[in-house]
Amino acid sequence: MRKNKRRKPMAEINVVPYIDVTLVLLIIFMITTPMLQTGVDVDLPKAESANVEQKEGQPPLIISINKEHQYFIDHGDGKQPVPVQPEEINEKVTEVLSSNKSPQVLIKADKTVDYGSVVTVMASLKNAGIPNVGLMTQPEDDQ
């Protein structure tokens, strides 16, 4: 026998659909976030850091950019830096990698050189297989 009583309204919120939507959004963000991270991985120097220690027996490879946007590679062997074109940096660094598997690489750019030129050099180094690049600076009191 059925009684004709009205049901009381349910005071609880059904959260199952919200959990489903949240899970789908979480998966979408987990997939798309790594795709958004593009660029060059660089260990930037800290403002108040100590001098970089040179590896024993291995002089650093220094890529210099002067005021006139001329590029030079210094192998650290005491010889004059070799002038190069920006598009040659990748192949020159690859040659150095054949003899030294983990060289210390530094970029030395004049303060008037635009940021794009330095980033272009960093990208060339990344493409050549250099994982970490240092930026040479001058302490404020030496200017």
Protein backbone atom coordinates (compact mmCIF):
# COMPACT_ATOMS: atom_id res chain seq x y z
CA MET A 1 0.00 0.00 0.00
CA ARG A 2 1.26 3.31 -0.99
CA LYS A 3 0.72 6.32 1.01
CA ASN A 4 0.33 9.63 -0.73
CA LYS A 5 2.92 11.42 1.21
CA ARG A 6 5.07 14.01 -0.38
CA ARG A 7 8.76 13.38 -0.45
CA LYS A 8 10.89 15.81 1.40
CA PRO A 9 13.33 17.76 -0.78
CA MET A 10 16.87 16.42 -0.61
CA ALA A 11 19.25 18.93 0.96
CA GLU A 12 22.48 17.32 -0.32
CA ILE A 13 24.26 18.43 -3.47
CA ASN A 14 25.23 15.72 -5.92
CA VAL A 15 28.97 16.37 -6.44
CA VAL A 16 29.72 13.45 -8.75
CA PRO A 17 29.31 15.51 -11.97
CA TYR A 18 31.58 18.21 -10.55
CA ILE A 19 34.26 15.66 -9.74
CA ASP A 20 34.06 14.32 -13.30
CA VAL A 21 34.46 17.79 -14.81
CA THR A 22 37.36 18.57 -12.45
CA LEU A 23 39.15 15.35 -13.40
CA VAL A 24 38.78 16.10 -17.12
CA LEU A 25 40.14 19.64 -16.63
CA LEU A 26 43.05 18.30 -14.58
CA ILE A 27 43.98 15.88 -17.34
CA ILE A 28 43.75 18.60 -19.98
CA PHE A 29 46.03 20.92 -17.98
CA MET A 30 48.51 18.11 -17.30
CA ILE A 31 48.79 17.41 -21.03
CA THR A 32 48.96 21.02 -22.26
CA THR A 33 51.32 22.51 -19.64
CA PRO A 34 54.52 20.79 -20.89
CA MET A 35 53.70 21.98 -24.42
CA LEU A 36 53.64 25.60 -23.25
CA GLN A 37 57.15 25.48 -21.81
CA THR A 38 59.36 26.39 -24.73
CA GLY A 39 62.63 28.25 -24.80
CA VAL A 40 66.20 27.75 -23.75
CA ASP A 41 67.14 26.31 -20.39
CA VAL A 42 69.76 28.57 -18.88
CA ASP A 43 71.29 28.74 -15.44
CA LEU A 44 71.30 32.48 -14.91
CA PRO A 45 73.87 33.84 -12.47
CA LYS A 46 72.66 35.26 -9.18
CA ALA A 47 73.34 38.88 -8.36
CA GLU A 48 75.39 38.06 -5.27
CA SER A 49 77.06 34.82 -6.34
CA ALA A 50 80.63 33.69 -6.04
CA ASN A 51 82.97 33.32 -9.00
CA VAL A 52 82.48 30.29 -11.20
CA GLU A 53 85.16 27.69 -10.56
CA GLN A 54 87.01 26.49 -13.63
CA LYS A 55 87.11 22.74 -14.25
CA GLU A 56 90.56 21.25 -13.76
CA GLY A 57 92.56 21.04 -16.98
CA GLN A 58 89.65 22.30 -19.06
CA PRO A 59 89.56 26.00 -19.92
CA PRO A 60 86.06 27.36 -20.56
CA LEU A 61 84.74 27.94 -24.06
CA ILE A 62 83.88 31.66 -24.25
CA ILE A 63 81.62 33.09 -26.94
CA SER A 64 81.95 36.88 -27.12
CA ILE A 65 79.74 39.48 -28.79
CA ASN A 66 81.18 43.00 -29.11
CA LYS A 67 79.47 46.38 -29.69
CA GLU A 68 79.56 45.93 -33.47
CA HIS A 69 77.70 42.58 -33.15
CA GLN A 70 80.77 40.57 -34.16
CA TYR A 71 80.95 37.07 -32.71
CA PHE A 72 84.13 35.39 -31.44
CA ILE A 73 84.92 31.97 -29.99
CA ASP A 74 87.76 31.66 -27.47
CA HIS A 75 88.78 28.05 -26.82
CA GLY A 76 90.79 29.10 -23.77
CA ASP A 77 94.05 27.83 -25.24
CA GLY A 78 95.76 31.24 -25.06
CA LYS A 79 95.32 31.97 -28.77
CA GLN A 80 93.36 34.89 -30.17
CA PRO A 81 89.57 34.45 -30.25
CA VAL A 82 88.35 33.23 -33.64
CA PRO A 83 85.75 35.41 -35.41
CA VAL A 84 82.63 33.49 -36.47
CA GLN A 85 79.23 34.15 -37.98
CA PRO A 86 76.20 33.48 -35.74
CA GLU A 87 75.10 30.57 -37.92
CA GLU A 88 78.57 28.92 -37.58
CA ILE A 89 78.44 28.77 -33.77
CA ASN A 90 76.52 25.48 -33.74
CA GLU A 91 79.06 23.61 -35.89
CA LYS A 92 82.09 25.14 -34.11
CA VAL A 93 80.75 24.11 -30.71
CA THR A 94 79.97 20.62 -32.06
CA GLU A 95 83.65 20.33 -33.04
CA VAL A 96 84.65 21.24 -29.48
CA LEU A 97 82.19 18.64 -28.12
CA SER A 98 83.93 15.92 -30.12
CA SER A 99 87.10 16.41 -28.07
CA ASN A 100 85.55 17.53 -24.78
CA LYS A 101 82.22 15.93 -23.81
CA SER A 102 81.31 18.43 -21.06
CA PRO A 103 82.87 21.83 -21.70
CA GLN A 104 82.14 24.82 -19.54
CA VAL A 105 80.54 27.40 -21.87
CA LEU A 106 80.25 31.11 -21.09
CA ILE A 107 78.74 33.99 -23.06
CA LYS A 108 80.46 37.36 -22.82
CA ALA A 109 78.40 40.13 -24.42
CA ASP A 110 78.82 43.90 -24.40
CA LYS A 111 76.16 45.73 -22.40
CA THR A 112 74.90 47.48 -25.55
CA VAL A 113 74.19 44.18 -27.34
CA ASP A 114 70.47 43.47 -27.62
CA TYR A 115 68.86 40.58 -25.78
CA GLY A 116 67.87 38.84 -29.03
CA SER A 117 71.50 38.33 -30.05
CA VAL A 118 72.35 36.67 -26.75
CA VAL A 119 69.27 34.43 -26.95
CA THR A 120 70.23 33.43 -30.51
CA VAL A 121 73.64 32.30 -29.25
CA MET A 122 72.01 30.42 -26.37
CA ALA A 123 69.68 28.63 -28.78
CA SER A 124 72.63 27.65 -31.00
CA LEU A 125 74.44 26.26 -27.97
CA LYS A 126 71.34 24.33 -26.91
CA ASN A 127 71.04 22.85 -30.40
CA ALA A 128 74.72 21.86 -30.30
CA GLY A 129 74.08 19.86 -27.10
CA ILE A 130 75.29 22.23 -24.38
CA PRO A 131 72.92 21.81 -21.39
CA ASN A 132 74.18 24.72 -19.24
CA VAL A 133 75.40 28.14 -20.30
CA GLY A 134 76.92 30.79 -18.05
CA LEU A 135 76.71 34.54 -18.59
CA MET A 136 79.84 36.54 -17.82
CA THR A 137 79.33 39.78 -15.91
CA GLN A 138 81.53 42.43 -14.42
CA PRO A 139 81.21 43.39 -10.75
CA GLU A 140 79.78 46.87 -10.21
CA ASP A 141 82.90 48.18 -8.45
CA ASP A 142 85.15 47.26 -11.43
CA GLN A 143 83.36 49.51 -13.92
